[in-house]
Amino acid sequence: MPDLVSAPFTGTPHISAAPGDFAPLVLMPGDPRRARRIAETFLEDARRVTEVRGILGYTGSHQGVPMSVLASGMGIPSVSIYATELFRHYGVRRIVRVGTAGAIPASVRVRDVVIASAAHTDSSLGRVLVDGVSLSLAPSYRLLRAAADAAEQEPSAVHIGAVFSSDHFYLDRPALFDALERRGTLAVEMEAAGLYAVACAEGGEALAVLTVSDHLRTGDALTADERETDFDRALRIAAVALLADV
């Protein structure tokens, strides 16, 4: 029989980058515009490596270390696709989500930063990876420790604790949020649990560092433009975590 030659890798269904286009360290906002802004203002010599479906990805460097940024889109299914493909096909070792979240307790305010030390969820993702087991969805301790150390250098409030990753953006269940608050949950968002589950399954490291964009109790909220631009502290903490022990 003739030798079978594998076709050259030309990307995944969702990422058009070539082999080597992504650095092992990746920042992951949800919004493609935020990914572009990170590339333009935070990375050095960044070049675009993918734009399939409007999901923008760039690779450059930070403090002399190769680093990439790729948007995840919204929700656990979307972040799970992009994180899986990065870990599995592009040699990525670490992903830190830099997104937004809604605060639950009064002690957390708009513009504060929340570092997610665990991610509760109403998604089935934690139950389908291992039959009969509900996995605990948690970040890499190494990244979490580095982020916690970096947070001590920040002048404004940074909180470390559990978040709730919801499958429903417009969820209207006050009793649920009351119960989560009594159990120490700091904020609600839509992606951290998916990222943590994928990192666990793929042997990668992950963390979520979130800027509080609105408050479920008070109604305080950032504008759409502020959501895009007011995340510099979270970004600095995320980069420190990515560079831990590098």
C-alpha atoms as a PDB file:
ATOM      1  CA  MET A   1       0.000   0.000   0.000  1.00  0.00           C
ATOM      2  CA  PRO A   2       1.246   3.538  -0.648  1.00  0.00           C
ATOM      3  CA  ASP A   3       2.403   5.615   2.298  1.00  0.00           C
ATOM      4  CA  LEU A   4      -0.310   7.818   3.663  1.00  0.00           C
ATOM      5  CA  VAL A   5       0.849  11.413   4.083  1.00  0.00           C
ATOM      6  CA  SER A   6      -1.026  13.502   6.583  1.00  0.00           C
ATOM      7  CA  ALA A   7      -2.471  16.711   5.204  1.00  0.00           C
ATOM      8  CA  PRO A   8      -0.759  19.857   6.516  1.00  0.00           C
ATOM      9  CA  PHE A   9      -2.482  21.519   9.457  1.00  0.00           C
ATOM     10  CA  THR A  10      -4.402  24.548   8.213  1.00  0.00           C
ATOM     11  CA  GLY A  11      -6.247  25.517  11.361  1.00  0.00           C
ATOM     12  CA  THR A  12      -9.376  24.362  13.132  1.00  0.00           C
ATOM     13  CA  PRO A  13     -13.005  25.041  12.209  1.00  0.00           C
ATOM     14  CA  HIS A  14     -12.880  28.112  14.455  1.00  0.00           C
ATOM     15  CA  ILE A  15      -9.247  29.288  14.340  1.00  0.00           C
ATOM     16  CA  SER A  16      -7.352  29.982  11.108  1.00  0.00           C
ATOM     17  CA  ALA A  17      -3.904  30.381  12.685  1.00  0.00           C
ATOM     18  CA  ALA A  18      -0.977  28.300  11.482  1.00  0.00           C
ATOM     19  CA  PRO A  19       1.155  26.097  13.754  1.00  0.00           C
ATOM     20  CA  GLY A  20       3.310  28.295  15.983  1.00  0.00           C
ATOM     21  CA  ASP A  21       1.107  31.353  15.535  1.00  0.00           C
ATOM     22  CA  PHE A  22      -0.031  31.269  19.166  1.00  0.00           C
ATOM     23  CA  ALA A  23       2.296  31.719  22.112  1.00  0.00           C
ATOM     24  CA  PRO A  24       2.037  29.234  24.998  1.00  0.00           C
ATOM     25  CA  LEU A  25       0.566  32.035  27.150  1.00  0.00           C
ATOM     26  CA  VAL A  26      -2.837  33.445  26.182  1.00  0.00           C
ATOM     27  CA  LEU A  27      -5.017  36.260  27.497  1.00  0.00           C
ATOM     28  CA  MET A  28      -8.694  35.585  26.748  1.00  0.00           C
ATOM     29  CA  PRO A  29     -11.297  38.368  26.886  1.00  0.00           C
ATOM     30  CA  GLY A  30     -14.805  37.687  25.679  1.00  0.00           C
ATOM     31  CA  ASP A  31     -15.155  40.677  23.354  1.00  0.00           C
ATOM     32  CA  PRO A  32     -13.173  40.723  20.078  1.00  0.00           C
ATOM     33  CA  ARG A  33     -12.830  44.515  20.385  1.00  0.00           C
ATOM     34  CA  ARG A  34     -11.203  44.026  23.764  1.00  0.00           C
ATOM     35  CA  ALA A  35      -8.821  41.495  22.243  1.00  0.00           C
ATOM     36  CA  ARG A  36      -7.839  44.053  19.612  1.00  0.00           C
ATOM     37  CA  ARG A  37      -7.322  46.739  22.247  1.00  0.00           C
ATOM     38  CA  ILE A  38      -5.110  44.432  24.328  1.00  0.00           C
ATOM     39  CA  ALA A  39      -3.044  43.688  21.233  1.00  0.00           C
ATOM     40  CA  GLU A  40      -2.695  47.376  20.387  1.00  0.00           C
ATOM     41  CA  THR A  41      -2.006  48.764  23.867  1.00  0.00           C
ATOM     42  CA  PHE A  42      -0.606  45.949  26.013  1.00  0.00           C
ATOM     43  CA  LEU A  43       1.364  43.615  23.763  1.00  0.00           C
ATOM     44  CA  GLU A  44       4.469  44.618  21.824  1.00  0.00           C
ATOM     45  CA  ASP A  45       4.730  44.012  18.057  1.00  0.00           C
ATOM     46  CA  ALA A  46       1.393  42.192  17.951  1.00  0.00           C
ATOM     47  CA  ARG A  47       0.185  40.688  14.685  1.00  0.00           C
ATOM     48  CA  ARG A  48      -3.243  39.279  13.919  1.00  0.00           C
ATOM     49  CA  VAL A  49      -3.223  35.491  13.531  1.00  0.00           C
ATOM     50  CA  THR A  50      -6.941  34.664  13.215  1.00  0.00           C
ATOM     51  CA  GLU A  51     -10.259  36.367  12.560  1.00  0.00           C
ATOM     52  CA  VAL A  52     -12.667  33.501  11.805  1.00  0.00           C
ATOM     53  CA  ARG A  53     -16.287  34.511  12.577  1.00  0.00           C
ATOM     54  CA  GLY A  54     -15.014  37.877  13.799  1.00  0.00           C
ATOM     55  CA  ILE A  55     -13.192  36.286  16.752  1.00  0.00           C
ATOM     56  CA  LEU A  56      -9.882  38.124  16.735  1.00  0.00           C
ATOM     57  CA  GLY A  57      -6.569  36.661  17.879  1.00  0.00           C
ATOM     58  CA  TYR A  58      -3.132  38.302  18.033  1.00  0.00           C
ATOM     59  CA  THR A  59       0.368  37.298  19.032  1.00  0.00           C
ATOM     60  CA  GLY A  60       3.116  39.598  20.278  1.00  0.00           C
ATOM     61  CA  SER A  61       5.088  39.777  23.489  1.00  0.00           C
ATOM     62  CA  HIS A  62       4.880  41.216  26.983  1.00  0.00           C
ATOM     63  CA  GLN A  63       8.000  42.040  28.974  1.00  0.00           C
ATOM     64  CA  GLY A  64       9.983  40.197  26.322  1.00  0.00           C
ATOM     65  CA  VAL A  65       7.973  36.959  26.625  1.00  0.00           C
ATOM     66  CA  PRO A  66       5.784  35.735  23.727  1.00  0.00           C
ATOM     67  CA  MET A  67       2.102  36.202  24.591  1.00  0.00           C
ATOM     68  CA  SER A  68      -1.145  35.966  22.651  1.00  0.00           C
ATOM     69  CA  VAL A  69      -4.677  37.245  23.047  1.00  0.00           C
ATOM     70  CA  LEU A  70      -7.797  35.562  21.648  1.00  0.00           C
ATOM     71  CA  ALA A  71     -11.433  36.478  22.192  1.00  0.00           C
ATOM     72  CA  SER A  72     -13.677  33.705  23.487  1.00  0.00           C
ATOM     73  CA  GLY A  73     -17.122  34.960  22.555  1.00  0.00           C
ATOM     74  CA  MET A  74     -19.930  34.651  25.102  1.00  0.00           C
ATOM     75  CA  GLY A  75     -20.880  31.680  27.222  1.00  0.00           C
ATOM     76  CA  ILE A  76     -19.502  28.305  28.250  1.00  0.00           C
ATOM     77  CA  PRO A  77     -19.971  26.578  24.856  1.00  0.00           C
ATOM     78  CA  SER A  78     -18.003  29.293  23.051  1.00  0.00           C
ATOM     79  CA  VAL A  79     -15.112  29.542  25.520  1.00  0.00           C
ATOM     80  CA  SER A  80     -14.952  25.733  25.659  1.00  0.00           C
ATOM     81  CA  ILE A  81     -14.447  25.522  21.891  1.00  0.00           C
ATOM     82  CA  TYR A  82     -11.662  28.094  21.733  1.00  0.00           C
ATOM     83  CA  ALA A  83      -9.862  26.914  24.864  1.00  0.00           C
ATOM     84  CA  THR A  84      -9.957  23.281  23.725  1.00  0.00           C
ATOM     85  CA  GLU A  85      -8.545  24.114  20.303  1.00  0.00           C
ATOM     86  CA  LEU A  86      -5.774  26.259  21.804  1.00  0.00           C
ATOM     87  CA  PHE A  87      -4.688  23.593  24.285  1.00  0.00           C
ATOM     88  CA  ARG A  88      -5.113  20.666  21.915  1.00  0.00           C
ATOM     89  CA  HIS A  89      -3.863  22.009  18.567  1.00  0.00           C
ATOM     90  CA  TYR A  90      -1.679  25.054  19.241  1.00  0.00           C
ATOM     91  CA  GLY A  91       0.543  24.067  22.140  1.00  0.00           C
ATOM     92  CA  VAL A  92      -0.960  26.623  24.518  1.00  0.00           C
ATOM     93  CA  ARG A  93      -0.134  25.913  28.166  1.00  0.00           C
ATOM     94  CA  ARG A  94      -1.889  28.713  30.042  1.00  0.00           C
ATOM     95  CA  ILE A  95      -5.041  30.761  29.456  1.00  0.00           C
ATOM     96  CA  VAL A  96      -6.203  33.599  31.689  1.00  0.00           C
ATOM     97  CA  ARG A  97      -9.679  34.966  31.079  1.00  0.00           C
ATOM     98  CA  VAL A  98      -9.902  38.753  31.444  1.00  0.00           C
ATOM     99  CA  GLY A  99     -13.613  39.430  31.388  1.00  0.00           C
ATOM    100  CA  THR A 100     -16.435  41.146  33.232  1.00  0.00           C
ATOM    101  CA  ALA A 101     -18.756  40.000  35.989  1.00  0.00           C
ATOM    102  CA  GLY A 102     -21.769  41.152  37.976  1.00  0.00           C
ATOM    103  CA  ALA A 103     -21.198  41.620  41.709  1.00  0.00           C
ATOM    104  CA  ILE A 104     -23.488  39.893  44.199  1.00  0.00           C
ATOM    105  CA  PRO A 105     -22.577  41.057  47.766  1.00  0.00           C
ATOM    106  CA  ALA A 106     -22.430  44.686  48.853  1.00  0.00           C
ATOM    107  CA  SER A 107     -18.745  44.283  49.706  1.00  0.00           C
ATOM    108  CA  VAL A 108     -17.906  44.000  45.984  1.00  0.00           C
ATOM    109  CA  ARG A 109     -18.333  47.175  43.954  1.00  0.00           C
ATOM    110  CA  VAL A 110     -18.347  48.181  40.305  1.00  0.00           C
ATOM    111  CA  ARG A 111     -14.750  48.464  38.970  1.00  0.00           C
ATOM    112  CA  ASP A 112     -13.420  46.080  41.632  1.00  0.00           C
ATOM    113  CA  VAL A 113     -11.495  43.018  40.431  1.00  0.00           C
ATOM    114  CA  VAL A 114     -12.545  39.457  41.266  1.00  0.00           C
ATOM    115  CA  ILE A 115     -10.087  36.566  40.958  1.00  0.00           C
ATOM    116  CA  ALA A 116     -12.100  33.366  40.610  1.00  0.00           C
ATOM    117  CA  SER A 117     -10.741  30.725  42.982  1.00  0.00           C
ATOM    118  CA  ALA A 118     -13.631  28.417  42.005  1.00  0.00           C
ATOM    119  CA  ALA A 119     -16.509  28.443  39.530  1.00  0.00           C
ATOM    120  CA  HIS A 120     -19.946  27.156  40.442  1.00  0.00           C
ATOM    121  CA  THR A 121     -22.254  26.624  37.477  1.00  0.00           C
ATOM    122  CA  ASP A 122     -25.724  25.589  36.356  1.00  0.00           C
ATOM    123  CA  SER A 123     -24.143  24.093  33.218  1.00  0.00           C
ATOM    124  CA  SER A 124     -23.839  20.326  32.854  1.00  0.00           C
ATOM    125  CA  LEU A 125     -20.162  20.612  31.919  1.00  0.00           C
ATOM    126  CA  GLY A 126     -18.824  19.600  35.314  1.00  0.00           C
ATOM    127  CA  ARG A 127     -20.918  16.418  35.230  1.00  0.00           C
ATOM    128  CA  VAL A 128     -20.260  15.121  31.717  1.00  0.00           C
ATOM    129  CA  LEU A 129     -16.462  14.852  31.719  1.00  0.00           C
ATOM    130  CA  VAL A 130     -16.331  11.954  34.203  1.00  0.00           C
ATOM    131  CA  ASP A 131     -19.323   9.635  34.374  1.00  0.00           C
ATOM    132  CA  GLY A 132     -21.049   9.796  37.746  1.00  0.00           C
ATOM    133  CA  VAL A 133     -18.897  12.635  39.098  1.00  0.00           C
ATOM    134  CA  SER A 134     -19.480  16.372  39.471  1.00  0.00           C
ATOM    135  CA  LEU A 135     -16.015  17.828  39.010  1.00  0.00           C
ATOM    136  CA  SER A 136     -14.868  20.717  41.160  1.00  0.00           C
ATOM    137  CA  LEU A 137     -14.068  23.505  38.695  1.00  0.00           C
ATOM    138  CA  ALA A 138     -11.048  25.413  39.939  1.00  0.00           C
ATOM    139  CA  PRO A 139      -8.073  27.295  38.472  1.00  0.00           C
ATOM    140  CA  SER A 140      -4.413  26.405  38.451  1.00  0.00           C
ATOM    141  CA  TYR A 141      -3.059  27.011  41.944  1.00  0.00           C
ATOM    142  CA  ARG A 142       0.196  28.381  40.504  1.00  0.00           C
ATOM    143  CA  LEU A 143      -1.675  31.016  38.491  1.00  0.00           C
ATOM    144  CA  LEU A 144      -4.037  31.779  41.378  1.00  0.00           C
ATOM    145  CA  ARG A 145      -1.147  32.273  43.800  1.00  0.00           C
ATOM    146  CA  ALA A 146       0.684  34.574  41.380  1.00  0.00           C
ATOM    147  CA  ALA A 147      -2.476  36.608  40.790  1.00  0.00           C
ATOM    148  CA  ALA A 148      -3.094  36.910  44.529  1.00  0.00           C
ATOM    149  CA  ASP A 149       0.462  38.178  45.034  1.00  0.00           C
ATOM    150  CA  ALA A 150       0.022  40.689  42.209  1.00  0.00           C
ATOM    151  CA  ALA A 151      -3.278  41.878  43.689  1.00  0.00           C
ATOM    152  CA  GLU A 152      -1.465  43.033  46.823  1.00  0.00           C
ATOM    153  CA  GLN A 153       0.320  45.650  44.708  1.00  0.00           C
ATOM    154  CA  GLU A 154      -2.913  47.129  43.354  1.00  0.00           C
ATOM    155  CA  PRO A 155      -4.271  50.305  44.998  1.00  0.00           C
ATOM    156  CA  SER A 156      -7.969  49.412  44.635  1.00  0.00           C
ATOM    157  CA  ALA A 157     -10.077  46.523  45.832  1.00  0.00           C
ATOM    158  CA  VAL A 158      -9.338  43.027  44.565  1.00  0.00           C
ATOM    159  CA  HIS A 159     -11.399  40.085  45.857  1.00  0.00           C
ATOM    160  CA  ILE A 160     -10.548  36.391  45.697  1.00  0.00           C
ATOM    161  CA  GLY A 161     -13.318  33.816  45.876  1.00  0.00           C
ATOM    162  CA  ALA A 162     -15.881  31.768  44.027  1.00  0.00           C
ATOM    163  CA  VAL A 163     -17.934  32.989  41.084  1.00  0.00           C
ATOM    164  CA  PHE A 164     -21.071  31.591  39.480  1.00  0.00           C
ATOM    165  CA  SER A 165     -20.862  30.810  35.745  1.00  0.00           C
ATOM    166  CA  SER A 166     -24.418  30.982  34.445  1.00  0.00           C
ATOM    167  CA  ASP A 167     -25.822  29.580  31.221  1.00  0.00           C
ATOM    168  CA  HIS A 168     -28.500  32.315  31.236  1.00  0.00           C
ATOM    169  CA  PHE A 169     -27.519  35.990  30.957  1.00  0.00           C
ATOM    170  CA  TYR A 170     -30.954  37.345  31.880  1.00  0.00           C
ATOM    171  CA  LEU A 171     -31.476  34.918  34.750  1.00  0.00           C
ATOM    172  CA  ASP A 172     -34.141  36.308  37.135  1.00  0.00           C
ATOM    173  CA  ARG A 173     -33.850  34.198  40.271  1.00  0.00           C
ATOM    174  CA  PRO A 174     -33.267  36.428  43.312  1.00  0.00           C
ATOM    175  CA  ALA A 175     -33.447  33.461  45.689  1.00  0.00           C
ATOM    176  CA  LEU A 176     -30.615  31.762  43.801  1.00  0.00           C
ATOM    177  CA  PHE A 177     -28.338  34.757  44.168  1.00  0.00           C
ATOM    178  CA  ASP A 178     -29.266  35.057  47.855  1.00  0.00           C
ATOM    179  CA  ALA A 179     -28.262  31.423  48.370  1.00  0.00           C
ATOM    180  CA  LEU A 180     -25.017  31.873  46.454  1.00  0.00           C
ATOM    181  CA  GLU A 181     -24.145  34.981  48.462  1.00  0.00           C
ATOM    182  CA  ARG A 182     -24.699  33.131  51.745  1.00  0.00           C
ATOM    183  CA  ARG A 183     -22.173  30.586  50.504  1.00  0.00           C
ATOM    184  CA  GLY A 184     -19.521  33.162  49.721  1.00  0.00           C
ATOM    185  CA  THR A 185     -20.023  33.648  45.975  1.00  0.00           C
ATOM    186  CA  LEU A 186     -18.689  37.022  44.848  1.00  0.00           C
ATOM    187  CA  ALA A 187     -19.984  37.499  41.306  1.00  0.00           C
ATOM    188  CA  VAL A 188     -21.806  36.003  38.356  1.00  0.00           C
ATOM    189  CA  GLU A 189     -20.382  35.630  34.834  1.00  0.00           C
ATOM    190  CA  MET A 190     -20.633  33.143  31.957  1.00  0.00           C
ATOM    191  CA  GLU A 191     -17.289  31.575  31.058  1.00  0.00           C
ATOM    192  CA  ALA A 192     -14.954  30.699  33.971  1.00  0.00           C
ATOM    193  CA  ALA A 193     -16.436  27.251  34.651  1.00  0.00           C
ATOM    194  CA  GLY A 194     -16.084  26.283  31.002  1.00  0.00           C
ATOM    195  CA  LEU A 195     -12.474  27.433  30.889  1.00  0.00           C
ATOM    196  CA  TYR A 196     -11.604  25.591  34.106  1.00  0.00           C
ATOM    197  CA  ALA A 197     -13.273  22.392  32.891  1.00  0.00           C
ATOM    198  CA  VAL A 198     -11.400  22.464  29.581  1.00  0.00           C
ATOM    199  CA  ALA A 199      -8.063  23.129  31.269  1.00  0.00           C
ATOM    200  CA  CYS A 200      -8.703  20.144  33.542  1.00  0.00           C
ATOM    201  CA  ALA A 201      -9.581  17.902  30.595  1.00  0.00           C
ATOM    202  CA  GLU A 202      -6.716  19.058  28.371  1.00  0.00           C
ATOM    203  CA  GLY A 203      -3.935  19.233  30.952  1.00  0.00           C
ATOM    204  CA  GLY A 204      -3.567  23.017  30.745  1.00  0.00           C
ATOM    205  CA  GLU A 205      -3.576  25.801  33.314  1.00  0.00           C
ATOM    206  CA  ALA A 206      -6.310  28.428  33.554  1.00  0.00           C
ATOM    207  CA  LEU A 207      -7.523  31.346  35.649  1.00  0.00           C
ATOM    208  CA  ALA A 208     -10.238  34.010  35.447  1.00  0.00           C
ATOM    209  CA  VAL A 209      -9.515  37.607  36.507  1.00  0.00           C
ATOM    210  CA  LEU A 210     -12.691  39.668  36.210  1.00  0.00           C
ATOM    211  CA  THR A 211     -13.589  43.346  36.316  1.00  0.00           C
ATOM    212  CA  VAL A 212     -16.930  44.047  37.992  1.00  0.00           C
ATOM    213  CA  SER A 213     -19.015  45.780  35.342  1.00  0.00           C
ATOM    214  CA  ASP A 214     -22.368  45.880  37.157  1.00  0.00           C
ATOM    215  CA  HIS A 215     -23.996  45.082  40.487  1.00  0.00           C
ATOM    216  CA  LEU A 216     -26.976  42.760  40.828  1.00  0.00           C
ATOM    217  CA  ARG A 217     -28.195  44.470  44.006  1.00  0.00           C
ATOM    218  CA  THR A 218     -27.665  48.190  43.385  1.00  0.00           C
ATOM    219  CA  GLY A 219     -28.075  48.369  39.610  1.00  0.00           C
ATOM    220  CA  ASP A 220     -24.792  50.275  39.234  1.00  0.00           C
ATOM    221  CA  ALA A 221     -23.177  49.508  35.878  1.00  0.00           C
ATOM    222  CA  LEU A 222     -20.432  50.555  33.503  1.00  0.00           C
ATOM    223  CA  THR A 223     -21.339  51.805  30.039  1.00  0.00           C
ATOM    224  CA  ALA A 224     -20.592  49.694  26.967  1.00  0.00           C
ATOM    225  CA  ASP A 225     -17.470  51.787  26.253  1.00  0.00           C
ATOM    226  CA  GLU A 226     -16.308  51.521  29.869  1.00  0.00           C
ATOM    227  CA  ARG A 227     -16.743  47.740  29.733  1.00  0.00           C
ATOM    228  CA  GLU A 228     -14.336  47.666  26.799  1.00  0.00           C
ATOM    229  CA  THR A 229     -11.672  49.925  28.262  1.00  0.00           C
ATOM    230  CA  ASP A 230     -11.853  49.869  32.085  1.00  0.00           C
ATOM    231  CA  PHE A 231     -10.019  46.620  32.757  1.00  0.00           C
ATOM    232  CA  ASP A 232      -6.355  47.636  33.067  1.00  0.00           C
ATOM    233  CA  ARG A 233      -5.941  46.367  36.641  1.00  0.00           C
ATOM    234  CA  ALA A 234      -7.368  42.961  35.785  1.00  0.00           C
ATOM    235  CA  LEU A 235      -5.118  42.827  32.739  1.00  0.00           C
ATOM    236  CA  ARG A 236      -1.989  43.579  34.772  1.00  0.00           C
ATOM    237  CA  ILE A 237      -2.867  40.872  37.299  1.00  0.00           C
ATOM    238  CA  ALA A 238      -3.643  38.391  34.527  1.00  0.00           C
ATOM    239  CA  ALA A 239      -0.297  39.001  32.826  1.00  0.00           C
ATOM    240  CA  VAL A 240       1.592  38.459  36.063  1.00  0.00           C
ATOM    241  CA  ALA A 241      -0.231  35.149  36.519  1.00  0.00           C
ATOM    242  CA  LEU A 242       0.617  34.051  32.976  1.00  0.00           C
ATOM    243  CA  LEU A 243       4.297  34.824  33.546  1.00  0.00           C
ATOM    244  CA  ALA A 244       4.543  32.951  36.864  1.00  0.00           C
ATOM    245  CA  ASP A 245       7.690  30.781  36.945  1.00  0.00           C
ATOM    246  CA  VAL A 246       8.324  31.375  33.227  1.00  0.00           C
END
